[in-house]
Amino acid sequence: ETRERLIKQIARNRKFAEYIKQKNNYKCELCGRNPFIQRNGRPY
């Protein structure tokens, strides 16, 4: 079964998110965990 939905959400700037992740080397600021590597070879 498929459904069609109309949603309204706040537009986010993906460049800000990427900047924050790169600035912190993708390391968690709360627990200090290093990122895992995704199938595409990039850190998550």
PDB file of all heavy atoms in Angstrom:
ATOM      1  N   GLU A   1       0.844  -1.196   0.000  1.00  0.00           N
ATOM      2  CA  GLU A   1       0.000   0.000   0.000  1.00  0.00           C
ATOM      3  C   GLU A   1       0.879   1.247   0.000  1.00  0.00           C
ATOM      4  O   GLU A   1       1.896   1.300   0.669  1.00  0.00           O
ATOM      5  CB  GLU A   1      -0.867  -0.005   1.268  1.00  0.00           C
ATOM      6  CG  GLU A   1      -1.815   1.162   1.358  1.00  0.00           C
ATOM      7  CD  GLU A   1      -2.647   1.134   2.636  1.00  0.00           C
ATOM      8  OE1 GLU A   1      -2.775   0.068   3.253  1.00  0.00           O
ATOM      9  OE2 GLU A   1      -3.135   2.207   3.003  1.00  0.00           O
ATOM     10  N   THR A   2       0.508   2.229  -0.782  1.00  0.00           N
ATOM     11  CA  THR A   2       1.231   3.501  -0.784  1.00  0.00           C
ATOM     12  C   THR A   2       0.272   4.614  -0.382  1.00  0.00           C
ATOM     13  O   THR A   2      -0.932   4.511  -0.588  1.00  0.00           O
ATOM     14  CB  THR A   2       1.834   3.823  -2.167  1.00  0.00           C
ATOM     15  OG1 THR A   2       0.784   3.921  -3.121  1.00  0.00           O
ATOM     16  CG2 THR A   2       2.821   2.755  -2.601  1.00  0.00           C
ATOM     17  N   ARG A   3       0.841   5.637   0.212  1.00  0.00           N
ATOM     18  CA  ARG A   3       0.063   6.805   0.633  1.00  0.00           C
ATOM     19  C   ARG A   3       0.774   8.054   0.175  1.00  0.00           C
ATOM     20  O   ARG A   3       2.000   8.099   0.129  1.00  0.00           O
ATOM     21  CB  ARG A   3      -0.063   6.858   2.154  1.00  0.00           C
ATOM     22  CG  ARG A   3      -0.821   5.715   2.726  1.00  0.00           C
ATOM     23  CD  ARG A   3      -0.940   5.876   4.228  1.00  0.00           C
ATOM     24  NE  ARG A   3      -1.559   4.658   4.757  1.00  0.00           N
ATOM     25  CZ  ARG A   3      -1.267   4.121   5.911  1.00  0.00           C
ATOM     26  NH1 ARG A   3      -0.369   4.672   6.684  1.00  0.00           N
ATOM     27  NH2 ARG A   3      -1.870   3.037   6.316  1.00  0.00           N
ATOM     28  N   GLU A   4       0.016   9.070  -0.100  1.00  0.00           N
ATOM     29  CA  GLU A   4       0.590  10.357  -0.455  1.00  0.00           C
ATOM     30  C   GLU A   4       0.340  11.309   0.704  1.00  0.00           C
ATOM     31  O   GLU A   4      -0.738  11.336   1.271  1.00  0.00           O
ATOM     32  CB  GLU A   4      -0.083  10.893  -1.716  1.00  0.00           C
ATOM     33  CG  GLU A   4       0.656  12.034  -2.340  1.00  0.00           C
ATOM     34  CD  GLU A   4       0.094  12.382  -3.704  1.00  0.00           C
ATOM     35  OE1 GLU A   4      -0.180  11.470  -4.493  1.00  0.00           O
ATOM     36  OE2 GLU A   4      -0.080  13.588  -3.949  1.00  0.00           O
ATOM     37  N   ARG A   5       1.380  12.062   1.096  1.00  0.00           N
ATOM     38  CA  ARG A   5       1.277  12.984   2.222  1.00  0.00           C
ATOM     39  C   ARG A   5       1.789  14.360   1.846  1.00  0.00           C
ATOM     40  O   ARG A   5       2.761  14.477   1.115  1.00  0.00           O
ATOM     41  CB  ARG A   5       2.167  12.505   3.365  1.00  0.00           C
ATOM     42  CG  ARG A   5       1.487  11.717   4.384  1.00  0.00           C
ATOM     43  CD  ARG A   5       2.402  11.675   5.576  1.00  0.00           C
ATOM     44  NE  ARG A   5       2.598  10.281   5.950  1.00  0.00           N
ATOM     45  CZ  ARG A   5       3.323   9.888   6.960  1.00  0.00           C
ATOM     46  NH1 ARG A   5       3.981  10.755   7.668  1.00  0.00           N
ATOM     47  NH2 ARG A   5       3.428   8.641   7.255  1.00  0.00           N
ATOM     48  N   LEU A   6       1.158  15.345   2.390  1.00  0.00           N
ATOM     49  CA  LEU A   6       1.628  16.710   2.236  1.00  0.00           C
ATOM     50  C   LEU A   6       2.082  17.149   3.624  1.00  0.00           C
ATOM     51  O   LEU A   6       1.305  17.113   4.578  1.00  0.00           O
ATOM     52  CB  LEU A   6       0.503  17.613   1.731  1.00  0.00           C
ATOM     53  CG  LEU A   6       0.837  19.087   1.584  1.00  0.00           C
ATOM     54  CD1 LEU A   6       1.937  19.285   0.546  1.00  0.00           C
ATOM     55  CD2 LEU A   6      -0.398  19.864   1.186  1.00  0.00           C
ATOM     56  N   ILE A   7       3.362  17.505   3.749  1.00  0.00           N
ATOM     57  CA  ILE A   7       3.864  17.920   5.058  1.00  0.00           C
ATOM     58  C   ILE A   7       4.472  19.316   4.967  1.00  0.00           C
ATOM     59  O   ILE A   7       4.955  19.728   3.914  1.00  0.00           O
ATOM     60  CB  ILE A   7       4.905  16.938   5.642  1.00  0.00           C
ATOM     61  CG1 ILE A   7       6.128  16.844   4.722  1.00  0.00           C
ATOM     62  CG2 ILE A   7       4.309  15.588   5.897  1.00  0.00           C
ATOM     63  CD1 ILE A   7       7.292  16.118   5.343  1.00  0.00           C
ATOM     64  N   LYS A   8       4.423  19.993   6.071  1.00  0.00           N
ATOM     65  CA  LYS A   8       5.026  21.320   6.167  1.00  0.00           C
ATOM     66  C   LYS A   8       6.133  21.207   7.207  1.00  0.00           C
ATOM     67  O   LYS A   8       5.902  20.718   8.302  1.00  0.00           O
ATOM     68  CB  LYS A   8       3.974  22.317   6.639  1.00  0.00           C
ATOM     69  CG  LYS A   8       4.406  23.746   6.635  1.00  0.00           C
ATOM     70  CD  LYS A   8       3.302  24.602   7.224  1.00  0.00           C
ATOM     71  CE  LYS A   8       3.022  25.764   6.327  1.00  0.00           C
ATOM     72  NZ  LYS A   8       1.977  26.632   6.882  1.00  0.00           N
ATOM     73  N   GLN A   9       7.352  21.600   6.835  1.00  0.00           N
ATOM     74  CA  GLN A   9       8.451  21.534   7.780  1.00  0.00           C
ATOM     75  C   GLN A   9       9.371  22.734   7.589  1.00  0.00           C
ATOM     76  O   GLN A   9       9.367  23.374   6.539  1.00  0.00           O
ATOM     77  CB  GLN A   9       9.216  20.220   7.661  1.00  0.00           C
ATOM     78  CG  GLN A   9       9.857  19.968   6.346  1.00  0.00           C
ATOM     79  CD  GLN A   9      10.445  18.572   6.237  1.00  0.00           C
ATOM     80  OE1 GLN A   9      10.590  18.099   5.154  1.00  0.00           O
ATOM     81  NE2 GLN A   9      10.800  17.915   7.294  1.00  0.00           N
ATOM     82  N   ILE A  10      10.131  23.003   8.618  1.00  0.00           N
ATOM     83  CA  ILE A  10      11.059  24.128   8.582  1.00  0.00           C
ATOM     84  C   ILE A  10      12.229  23.765   7.668  1.00  0.00           C
ATOM     85  O   ILE A  10      12.807  22.686   7.793  1.00  0.00           O
ATOM     86  CB  ILE A  10      11.564  24.442  10.003  1.00  0.00           C
ATOM     87  CG1 ILE A  10      10.392  24.888  10.882  1.00  0.00           C
ATOM     88  CG2 ILE A  10      12.657  25.496   9.972  1.00  0.00           C
ATOM     89  CD1 ILE A  10      10.726  24.968  12.351  1.00  0.00           C
ATOM     90  N   ALA A  11      12.545  24.656   6.756  1.00  0.00           N
ATOM     91  CA  ALA A  11      13.675  24.427   5.844  1.00  0.00           C
ATOM     92  C   ALA A  11      14.973  24.599   6.620  1.00  0.00           C
ATOM     93  O   ALA A  11      15.145  25.566   7.358  1.00  0.00           O
ATOM     94  CB  ALA A  11      13.612  25.413   4.689  1.00  0.00           C
ATOM     95  N   ARG A  12      15.864  23.639   6.481  1.00  0.00           N
ATOM     96  CA  ARG A  12      17.152  23.677   7.173  1.00  0.00           C
ATOM     97  C   ARG A  12      18.276  23.824   6.169  1.00  0.00           C
ATOM     98  O   ARG A  12      18.190  23.325   5.056  1.00  0.00           O
ATOM     99  CB  ARG A  12      17.353  22.383   7.963  1.00  0.00           C
ATOM    100  CG  ARG A  12      16.293  22.208   9.003  1.00  0.00           C
ATOM    101  CD  ARG A  12      16.448  20.887   9.700  1.00  0.00           C
ATOM    102  NE  ARG A  12      15.309  20.695  10.573  1.00  0.00           N
ATOM    103  CZ  ARG A  12      14.880  19.528  10.967  1.00  0.00           C
ATOM    104  NH1 ARG A  12      15.484  18.437  10.568  1.00  0.00           N
ATOM    105  NH2 ARG A  12      13.841  19.434  11.758  1.00  0.00           N
ATOM    106  N   ASN A  13      19.334  24.473   6.594  1.00  0.00           N
ATOM    107  CA  ASN A  13      20.491  24.646   5.732  1.00  0.00           C
ATOM    108  C   ASN A  13      21.446  23.474   5.962  1.00  0.00           C
ATOM    109  O   ASN A  13      22.113  23.396   6.988  1.00  0.00           O
ATOM    110  CB  ASN A  13      21.177  25.978   6.039  1.00  0.00           C
ATOM    111  CG  ASN A  13      22.265  26.302   5.052  1.00  0.00           C
ATOM    112  OD1 ASN A  13      22.912  25.413   4.504  1.00  0.00           O
ATOM    113  ND2 ASN A  13      22.475  27.578   4.811  1.00  0.00           N
ATOM    114  N   ARG A  14      21.506  22.571   5.009  1.00  0.00           N
ATOM    115  CA  ARG A  14      22.350  21.380   5.130  1.00  0.00           C
ATOM    116  C   ARG A  14      23.838  21.739   5.242  1.00  0.00           C
ATOM    117  O   ARG A  14      24.624  20.992   5.804  1.00  0.00           O
ATOM    118  CB  ARG A  14      22.125  20.441   3.952  1.00  0.00           C
ATOM    119  CG  ARG A  14      20.757  19.801   3.972  1.00  0.00           C
ATOM    120  CD  ARG A  14      20.620  18.857   2.776  1.00  0.00           C
ATOM    121  NE  ARG A  14      19.304  18.314   2.681  1.00  0.00           N
ATOM    122  CZ  ARG A  14      18.920  17.186   3.269  1.00  0.00           C
ATOM    123  NH1 ARG A  14      19.768  16.501   3.995  1.00  0.00           N
ATOM    124  NH2 ARG A  14      17.682  16.739   3.124  1.00  0.00           N
ATOM    125  N   LYS A  15      24.219  22.887   4.696  1.00  0.00           N
ATOM    126  CA  LYS A  15      25.626  23.303   4.767  1.00  0.00           C
ATOM    127  C   LYS A  15      26.033  23.570   6.213  1.00  0.00           C
ATOM    128  O   LYS A  15      27.162  23.291   6.598  1.00  0.00           O
ATOM    129  CB  LYS A  15      25.864  24.531   3.897  1.00  0.00           C
ATOM    130  CG  LYS A  15      25.817  24.230   2.422  1.00  0.00           C
ATOM    131  CD  LYS A  15      26.069  25.458   1.589  1.00  0.00           C
ATOM    132  CE  LYS A  15      25.967  25.094   0.107  1.00  0.00           C
ATOM    133  NZ  LYS A  15      26.153  26.258  -0.742  1.00  0.00           N
ATOM    134  N   PHE A  16      25.125  24.104   7.029  1.00  0.00           N
ATOM    135  CA  PHE A  16      25.422  24.331   8.447  1.00  0.00           C
ATOM    136  C   PHE A  16      25.664  22.997   9.141  1.00  0.00           C
ATOM    137  O   PHE A  16      26.602  22.839   9.913  1.00  0.00           O
ATOM    138  CB  PHE A  16      24.277  25.061   9.153  1.00  0.00           C
ATOM    139  CG  PHE A  16      24.096  26.499   8.753  1.00  0.00           C
ATOM    140  CD1 PHE A  16      22.879  27.121   8.939  1.00  0.00           C
ATOM    141  CD2 PHE A  16      25.128  27.248   8.195  1.00  0.00           C
ATOM    142  CE1 PHE A  16      22.690  28.443   8.592  1.00  0.00           C
ATOM    143  CE2 PHE A  16      24.954  28.572   7.840  1.00  0.00           C
ATOM    144  CZ  PHE A  16      23.724  29.176   8.041  1.00  0.00           C
ATOM    145  N   ALA A  17      24.789  22.025   8.870  1.00  0.00           N
ATOM    146  CA  ALA A  17      24.922  20.705   9.497  1.00  0.00           C
ATOM    147  C   ALA A  17      26.243  20.054   9.100  1.00  0.00           C
ATOM    148  O   ALA A  17      26.963  19.509   9.948  1.00  0.00           O
ATOM    149  CB  ALA A  17      23.745  19.818   9.097  1.00  0.00           C
ATOM    150  N   GLU A  18      26.587  20.118   7.837  1.00  0.00           N
ATOM    151  CA  GLU A  18      27.838  19.524   7.370  1.00  0.00           C
ATOM    152  C   GLU A  18      29.037  20.238   7.991  1.00  0.00           C
ATOM    153  O   GLU A  18      30.016  19.605   8.387  1.00  0.00           O
ATOM    154  CB  GLU A  18      27.905  19.566   5.842  1.00  0.00           C
ATOM    155  CG  GLU A  18      29.023  18.733   5.262  1.00  0.00           C
ATOM    156  CD  GLU A  18      28.986  17.265   5.680  1.00  0.00           C
ATOM    157  OE1 GLU A  18      27.893  16.685   5.845  1.00  0.00           O
ATOM    158  OE2 GLU A  18      30.086  16.695   5.868  1.00  0.00           O
ATOM    159  N   TYR A  19      28.956  21.553   8.108  1.00  0.00           N
ATOM    160  CA  TYR A  19      30.027  22.335   8.728  1.00  0.00           C
ATOM    161  C   TYR A  19      30.267  21.872  10.169  1.00  0.00           C
ATOM    162  O   TYR A  19      31.411  21.659  10.576  1.00  0.00           O
ATOM    163  CB  TYR A  19      29.678  23.830   8.687  1.00  0.00           C
ATOM    164  CG  TYR A  19      30.558  24.674   9.573  1.00  0.00           C
ATOM    165  CD1 TYR A  19      31.864  24.987   9.197  1.00  0.00           C
ATOM    166  CD2 TYR A  19      30.091  25.140  10.803  1.00  0.00           C
ATOM    167  CE1 TYR A  19      32.682  25.747  10.028  1.00  0.00           C
ATOM    168  CE2 TYR A  19      30.905  25.904  11.625  1.00  0.00           C
ATOM    169  CZ  TYR A  19      32.191  26.202  11.237  1.00  0.00           C
ATOM    170  OH  TYR A  19      32.998  26.947  12.058  1.00  0.00           O
ATOM    171  N   ILE A  20      29.202  21.727  10.949  1.00  0.00           N
ATOM    172  CA  ILE A  20      29.308  21.320  12.357  1.00  0.00           C
ATOM    173  C   ILE A  20      29.926  19.927  12.464  1.00  0.00           C
ATOM    174  O   ILE A  20      30.790  19.682  13.314  1.00  0.00           O
ATOM    175  CB  ILE A  20      27.918  21.355  13.042  1.00  0.00           C
ATOM    176  CG1 ILE A  20      27.466  22.799  13.232  1.00  0.00           C
ATOM    177  CG2 ILE A  20      27.900  20.603  14.367  1.00  0.00           C
ATOM    178  CD1 ILE A  20      28.383  23.641  14.112  1.00  0.00           C
ATOM    179  N   LYS A  21      29.494  19.010  11.604  1.00  0.00           N
ATOM    180  CA  LYS A  21      30.043  17.649  11.650  1.00  0.00           C
ATOM    181  C   LYS A  21      31.525  17.636  11.284  1.00  0.00           C
ATOM    182  O   LYS A  21      32.334  17.008  11.972  1.00  0.00           O
ATOM    183  CB  LYS A  21      29.224  16.726  10.742  1.00  0.00           C
ATOM    184  CG  LYS A  21      27.811  16.510  11.276  1.00  0.00           C
ATOM    185  CD  LYS A  21      27.048  15.494  10.484  1.00  0.00           C
ATOM    186  CE  LYS A  21      26.386  16.102   9.293  1.00  0.00           C
ATOM    187  NZ  LYS A  21      25.498  15.131   8.595  1.00  0.00           N
ATOM    188  N   GLN A  22      31.891  18.350  10.231  1.00  0.00           N
ATOM    189  CA  GLN A  22      33.297  18.396   9.821  1.00  0.00           C
ATOM    190  C   GLN A  22      34.155  19.076  10.881  1.00  0.00           C
ATOM    191  O   GLN A  22      35.264  18.615  11.175  1.00  0.00           O
ATOM    192  CB  GLN A  22      33.434  19.124   8.484  1.00  0.00           C
ATOM    193  CG  GLN A  22      32.953  18.305   7.321  1.00  0.00           C
ATOM    194  CD  GLN A  22      33.070  19.057   6.003  1.00  0.00           C
ATOM    195  OE1 GLN A  22      33.494  20.202   5.945  1.00  0.00           O
ATOM    196  NE2 GLN A  22      32.671  18.399   4.923  1.00  0.00           N
ATOM    197  N   LYS A  23      33.650  20.171  11.453  1.00  0.00           N
ATOM    198  CA  LYS A  23      34.384  20.912  12.485  1.00  0.00           C
ATOM    199  C   LYS A  23      34.735  20.011  13.669  1.00  0.00           C
ATOM    200  O   LYS A  23      35.788  20.168  14.282  1.00  0.00           O
ATOM    201  CB  LYS A  23      33.523  22.091  12.952  1.00  0.00           C
ATOM    202  CG  LYS A  23      34.127  22.926  14.041  1.00  0.00           C
ATOM    203  CD  LYS A  23      33.157  24.029  14.443  1.00  0.00           C
ATOM    204  CE  LYS A  23      33.558  24.587  15.793  1.00  0.00           C
ATOM    205  NZ  LYS A  23      32.457  25.174  16.506  1.00  0.00           N
ATOM    206  N   ASN A  24      33.864  19.061  13.973  1.00  0.00           N
ATOM    207  CA  ASN A  24      34.067  18.163  15.109  1.00  0.00           C
ATOM    208  C   ASN A  24      34.603  16.793  14.686  1.00  0.00           C
ATOM    209  O   ASN A  24      34.572  15.854  15.483  1.00  0.00           O
ATOM    210  CB  ASN A  24      32.756  18.005  15.880  1.00  0.00           C
ATOM    211  CG  ASN A  24      32.383  19.294  16.581  1.00  0.00           C
ATOM    212  OD1 ASN A  24      32.999  19.662  17.568  1.00  0.00           O
ATOM    213  ND2 ASN A  24      31.397  19.997  16.044  1.00  0.00           N
ATOM    214  N   ASN A  25      35.068  16.689  13.444  1.00  0.00           N
ATOM    215  CA  ASN A  25      35.563  15.422  12.912  1.00  0.00           C
ATOM    216  C   ASN A  25      34.548  14.293  13.096  1.00  0.00           C
ATOM    217  O   ASN A  25      34.928  13.155  13.340  1.00  0.00           O
ATOM    218  CB  ASN A  25      36.900  15.038  13.552  1.00  0.00           C
ATOM    219  CG  ASN A  25      37.990  16.002  13.170  1.00  0.00           C
ATOM    220  OD1 ASN A  25      38.103  16.408  12.019  1.00  0.00           O
ATOM    221  ND2 ASN A  25      38.792  16.399  14.139  1.00  0.00           N
ATOM    222  N   TYR A  26      33.272  14.641  13.035  1.00  0.00           N
ATOM    223  CA  TYR A  26      32.157  13.678  13.129  1.00  0.00           C
ATOM    224  C   TYR A  26      32.123  12.965  14.480  1.00  0.00           C
ATOM    225  O   TYR A  26      31.464  11.963  14.638  1.00  0.00           O
ATOM    226  CB  TYR A  26      32.208  12.672  11.979  1.00  0.00           C
ATOM    227  CG  TYR A  26      32.004  13.313  10.629  1.00  0.00           C
ATOM    228  CD1 TYR A  26      33.061  13.916   9.960  1.00  0.00           C
ATOM    229  CD2 TYR A  26      30.757  13.331  10.026  1.00  0.00           C
ATOM    230  CE1 TYR A  26      32.874  14.527   8.723  1.00  0.00           C
ATOM    231  CE2 TYR A  26      30.565  13.933   8.785  1.00  0.00           C
ATOM    232  CZ  TYR A  26      31.625  14.526   8.149  1.00  0.00           C
ATOM    233  OH  TYR A  26      31.442  15.122   6.934  1.00  0.00           O
ATOM    234  N   LYS A  27      32.806  13.491  15.465  1.00  0.00           N
ATOM    235  CA  LYS A  27      32.862  12.892  16.802  1.00  0.00           C
ATOM    236  C   LYS A  27      31.733  13.458  17.665  1.00  0.00           C
ATOM    237  O   LYS A  27      31.489  14.659  17.661  1.00  0.00           O
ATOM    238  CB  LYS A  27      34.217  13.192  17.443  1.00  0.00           C
ATOM    239  CG  LYS A  27      34.478  12.462  18.710  1.00  0.00           C
ATOM    240  CD  LYS A  27      35.909  12.679  19.162  1.00  0.00           C
ATOM    241  CE  LYS A  27      36.207  11.795  20.340  1.00  0.00           C
ATOM    242  NZ  LYS A  27      37.616  11.780  20.661  1.00  0.00           N
ATOM    243  N   CYS A  28      31.081  12.590  18.429  1.00  0.00           N
ATOM    244  CA  CYS A  28      29.953  13.001  19.262  1.00  0.00           C
ATOM    245  C   CYS A  28      30.410  13.945  20.371  1.00  0.00           C
ATOM    246  O   CYS A  28      31.332  13.631  21.122  1.00  0.00           O
ATOM    247  CB  CYS A  28      29.262  11.782  19.867  1.00  0.00           C
ATOM    248  SG  CYS A  28      27.814  12.207  20.859  1.00  0.00           S
ATOM    249  N   GLU A  29      29.754  15.088  20.473  1.00  0.00           N
ATOM    250  CA  GLU A  29      30.110  16.084  21.483  1.00  0.00           C
ATOM    251  C   GLU A  29      29.595  15.715  22.876  1.00  0.00           C
ATOM    252  O   GLU A  29      30.011  16.330  23.855  1.00  0.00           O
ATOM    253  CB  GLU A  29      29.570  17.460  21.084  1.00  0.00           C
ATOM    254  CG  GLU A  29      30.271  18.017  19.858  1.00  0.00           C
ATOM    255  CD  GLU A  29      29.814  19.408  19.519  1.00  0.00           C
ATOM    256  OE1 GLU A  29      29.902  20.308  20.383  1.00  0.00           O
ATOM    257  OE2 GLU A  29      29.355  19.608  18.374  1.00  0.00           O
ATOM    258  N   LEU A  30      28.721  14.722  22.988  1.00  0.00           N
ATOM    259  CA  LEU A  30      28.228  14.319  24.302  1.00  0.00           C
ATOM    260  C   LEU A  30      28.978  13.117  24.864  1.00  0.00           C
ATOM    261  O   LEU A  30      29.447  13.161  25.989  1.00  0.00           O
ATOM    262  CB  LEU A  30      26.726  14.029  24.263  1.00  0.00           C
ATOM    263  CG  LEU A  30      25.824  15.246  24.057  1.00  0.00           C
ATOM    264  CD1 LEU A  30      24.361  14.839  24.090  1.00  0.00           C
ATOM    265  CD2 LEU A  30      26.096  16.314  25.103  1.00  0.00           C
ATOM    266  N   CYS A  31      29.106  12.060  24.084  1.00  0.00           N
ATOM    267  CA  CYS A  31      29.733  10.840  24.616  1.00  0.00           C
ATOM    268  C   CYS A  31      31.150  10.620  24.108  1.00  0.00           C
ATOM    269  O   CYS A  31      31.858   9.754  24.606  1.00  0.00           O
ATOM    270  CB  CYS A  31      28.870   9.610  24.303  1.00  0.00           C
ATOM    271  SG  CYS A  31      28.906   9.091  22.577  1.00  0.00           S
ATOM    272  N   GLY A  32      31.567  11.388  23.099  1.00  0.00           N
ATOM    273  CA  GLY A  32      32.917  11.257  22.571  1.00  0.00           C
ATOM    274  C   GLY A  32      33.111  10.123  21.585  1.00  0.00           C
ATOM    275  O   GLY A  32      34.229   9.858  21.150  1.00  0.00           O
ATOM    276  N   ARG A  33      32.005   9.441  21.215  1.00  0.00           N
ATOM    277  CA  ARG A  33      32.096   8.314  20.279  1.00  0.00           C
ATOM    278  C   ARG A  33      32.552   8.791  18.907  1.00  0.00           C
ATOM    279  O   ARG A  33      32.094   9.799  18.396  1.00  0.00           O
ATOM    280  CB  ARG A  33      30.721   7.648  20.174  1.00  0.00           C
ATOM    281  CG  ARG A  33      30.701   6.412  19.282  1.00  0.00           C
ATOM    282  CD  ARG A  33      29.324   5.768  19.262  1.00  0.00           C
ATOM    283  NE  ARG A  33      29.047   5.222  20.583  1.00  0.00           N
ATOM    284  CZ  ARG A  33      27.833   5.196  21.126  1.00  0.00           C
ATOM    285  NH1 ARG A  33      26.799   5.676  20.495  1.00  0.00           N
ATOM    286  NH2 ARG A  33      27.661   4.681  22.326  1.00  0.00           N
ATOM    287  N   ASN A  34      33.482   8.029  18.320  1.00  0.00           N
ATOM    288  CA  ASN A  34      33.901   8.298  16.953  1.00  0.00           C
ATOM    289  C   ASN A  34      32.824   7.824  15.994  1.00  0.00           C
ATOM    290  O   ASN A  34      32.065   6.911  16.315  1.00  0.00           O
ATOM    291  CB  ASN A  34      35.223   7.590  16.651  1.00  0.00           C
ATOM    292  CG  ASN A  34      36.390   8.263  17.322  1.00  0.00           C
ATOM    293  OD1 ASN A  34      36.518   9.482  17.291  1.00  0.00           O
ATOM    294  ND2 ASN A  34      37.244   7.492  17.962  1.00  0.00           N
ATOM    295  N   PRO A  35      32.779   8.407  14.804  1.00  0.00           N
ATOM    296  CA  PRO A  35      31.749   8.013  13.850  1.00  0.00           C
ATOM    297  C   PRO A  35      31.998   6.624  13.286  1.00  0.00           C
ATOM    298  O   PRO A  35      33.124   6.136  13.296  1.00  0.00           O
ATOM    299  CB  PRO A  35      31.889   9.058  12.738  1.00  0.00           C
ATOM    300  CG  PRO A  35      33.332   9.432  12.777  1.00  0.00           C
ATOM    301  CD  PRO A  35      33.697   9.399  14.242  1.00  0.00           C
ATOM    302  N   PHE A  36      30.931   5.987  12.824  1.00  0.00           N
ATOM    303  CA  PHE A  36      31.122   4.754  12.061  1.00  0.00           C
ATOM    304  C   PHE A  36      31.209   5.145  10.596  1.00  0.00           C
ATOM    305  O   PHE A  36      30.807   6.240  10.204  1.00  0.00           O
ATOM    306  CB  PHE A  36      30.006   3.732  12.328  1.00  0.00           C
ATOM    307  CG  PHE A  36      28.641   4.115  11.829  1.00  0.00           C
ATOM    308  CD1 PHE A  36      28.266   3.881  10.504  1.00  0.00           C
ATOM    309  CD2 PHE A  36      27.702   4.680  12.686  1.00  0.00           C
ATOM    310  CE1 PHE A  36      27.002   4.217  10.045  1.00  0.00           C
ATOM    311  CE2 PHE A  36      26.440   5.015  12.233  1.00  0.00           C
ATOM    312  CZ  PHE A  36      26.093   4.782  10.907  1.00  0.00           C
ATOM    313  N   ILE A  37      31.780   4.282   9.792  1.00  0.00           N
ATOM    314  CA  ILE A  37      31.934   4.551   8.370  1.00  0.00           C
ATOM    315  C   ILE A  37      30.781   3.899   7.614  1.00  0.00           C
ATOM    316  O   ILE A  37      30.499   2.717   7.785  1.00  0.00           O
ATOM    317  CB  ILE A  37      33.296   4.035   7.848  1.00  0.00           C
ATOM    318  CG1 ILE A  37      34.447   4.666   8.660  1.00  0.00           C
ATOM    319  CG2 ILE A  37      33.461   4.332   6.359  1.00  0.00           C
ATOM    320  CD1 ILE A  37      34.490   6.183   8.673  1.00  0.00           C
ATOM    321  N   GLN A  38      30.125   4.710   6.799  1.00  0.00           N
ATOM    322  CA  GLN A  38      28.986   4.236   6.014  1.00  0.00           C
ATOM    323  C   GLN A  38      29.452   3.412   4.809  1.00  0.00           C
ATOM    324  O   GLN A  38      30.639   3.403   4.475  1.00  0.00           O
ATOM    325  CB  GLN A  38      28.187   5.440   5.497  1.00  0.00           C
ATOM    326  CG  GLN A  38      27.675   6.360   6.597  1.00  0.00           C
ATOM    327  CD  GLN A  38      27.032   7.586   6.020  1.00  0.00           C
ATOM    328  OE1 GLN A  38      25.889   7.522   5.572  1.00  0.00           O
ATOM    329  NE2 GLN A  38      27.755   8.696   6.007  1.00  0.00           N
ATOM    330  N   ARG A  39      28.518   2.758   4.179  1.00  0.00           N
ATOM    331  CA  ARG A  39      28.828   1.968   2.971  1.00  0.00           C
ATOM    332  C   ARG A  39      29.477   2.812   1.889  1.00  0.00           C
ATOM    333  O   ARG A  39      30.265   2.313   1.093  1.00  0.00           O
ATOM    334  CB  ARG A  39      27.550   1.332   2.415  1.00  0.00           C
ATOM    335  CG  ARG A  39      27.018   0.243   3.284  1.00  0.00           C
ATOM    336  CD  ARG A  39      25.799  -0.403   2.666  1.00  0.00           C
ATOM    337  NE  ARG A  39      25.255  -1.352   3.610  1.00  0.00           N
ATOM    338  CZ  ARG A  39      23.972  -1.535   3.829  1.00  0.00           C
ATOM    339  NH1 ARG A  39      23.077  -0.851   3.154  1.00  0.00           N
ATOM    340  NH2 ARG A  39      23.568  -2.413   4.715  1.00  0.00           N
ATOM    341  N   ASN A  40      29.119   4.115   1.851  1.00  0.00           N
ATOM    342  CA  ASN A  40      29.698   4.995   0.824  1.00  0.00           C
ATOM    343  C   ASN A  40      31.100   5.480   1.194  1.00  0.00           C
ATOM    344  O   ASN A  40      31.699   6.276   0.486  1.00  0.00           O
ATOM    345  CB  ASN A  40      28.776   6.184   0.556  1.00  0.00           C
ATOM    346  CG  ASN A  40      28.608   7.102   1.762  1.00  0.00           C
ATOM    347  OD1 ASN A  40      29.312   6.986   2.760  1.00  0.00           O
ATOM    348  ND2 ASN A  40      27.654   8.010   1.679  1.00  0.00           N
ATOM    349  N   GLY A  41      31.630   5.009   2.353  1.00  0.00           N
ATOM    350  CA  GLY A  41      32.975   5.355   2.770  1.00  0.00           C
ATOM    351  C   GLY A  41      33.077   6.618   3.602  1.00  0.00           C
ATOM    352  O   GLY A  41      34.155   6.975   4.061  1.00  0.00           O
ATOM    353  N   ARG A  42      31.955   7.310   3.822  1.00  0.00           N
ATOM    354  CA  ARG A  42      31.974   8.565   4.585  1.00  0.00           C
ATOM    355  C   ARG A  42      31.611   8.318   6.045  1.00  0.00           C
ATOM    356  O   ARG A  42      30.820   7.438   6.357  1.00  0.00           O
ATOM    357  CB  ARG A  42      30.972   9.549   3.978  1.00  0.00           C
ATOM    358  CG  ARG A  42      31.346   9.916   2.537  1.00  0.00           C
ATOM    359  CD  ARG A  42      30.571  11.091   2.019  1.00  0.00           C
ATOM    360  NE  ARG A  42      30.891  12.252   2.852  1.00  0.00           N
ATOM    361  CZ  ARG A  42      30.018  13.210   3.131  1.00  0.00           C
ATOM    362  NH1 ARG A  42      28.793  13.168   2.666  1.00  0.00           N
ATOM    363  NH2 ARG A  42      30.365  14.227   3.901  1.00  0.00           N
ATOM    364  N   PRO A  43      32.163   9.123   6.969  1.00  0.00           N
ATOM    365  CA  PRO A  43      31.804   8.991   8.385  1.00  0.00           C
ATOM    366  C   PRO A  43      30.365   9.442   8.611  1.00  0.00           C
ATOM    367  O   PRO A  43      29.854  10.298   7.883  1.00  0.00           O
ATOM    368  CB  PRO A  43      32.791   9.919   9.092  1.00  0.00           C
ATOM    369  CG  PRO A  43      33.221  10.900   8.064  1.00  0.00           C
ATOM    370  CD  PRO A  43      33.133  10.196   6.743  1.00  0.00           C
ATOM    371  N   TYR A  44      29.719   8.852   9.629  1.00  0.00           N
ATOM    372  CA  TYR A  44      28.326   9.192   9.930  1.00  0.00           C
ATOM    373  C   TYR A  44      28.211   9.860  11.289  1.00  0.00           C
ATOM    374  O   TYR A  44      28.725   9.366  12.293  1.00  0.00           O
ATOM    375  CB  TYR A  44      27.438   7.948   9.922  1.00  0.00           C
ATOM    376  CG  TYR A  44      25.984   8.300  10.155  1.00  0.00           C
ATOM    377  CD1 TYR A  44      25.179   8.670   9.104  1.00  0.00           C
ATOM    378  CD2 TYR A  44      25.448   8.303  11.444  1.00  0.00           C
ATOM    379  CE1 TYR A  44      23.852   9.021   9.311  1.00  0.00           C
ATOM    380  CE2 TYR A  44      24.128   8.666  11.663  1.00  0.00           C
ATOM    381  CZ  TYR A  44      23.333   9.026  10.588  1.00  0.00           C
ATOM    382  OH  TYR A  44      22.031   9.386  10.790  1.00  0.00           O
TER     383      TYR A  44
END
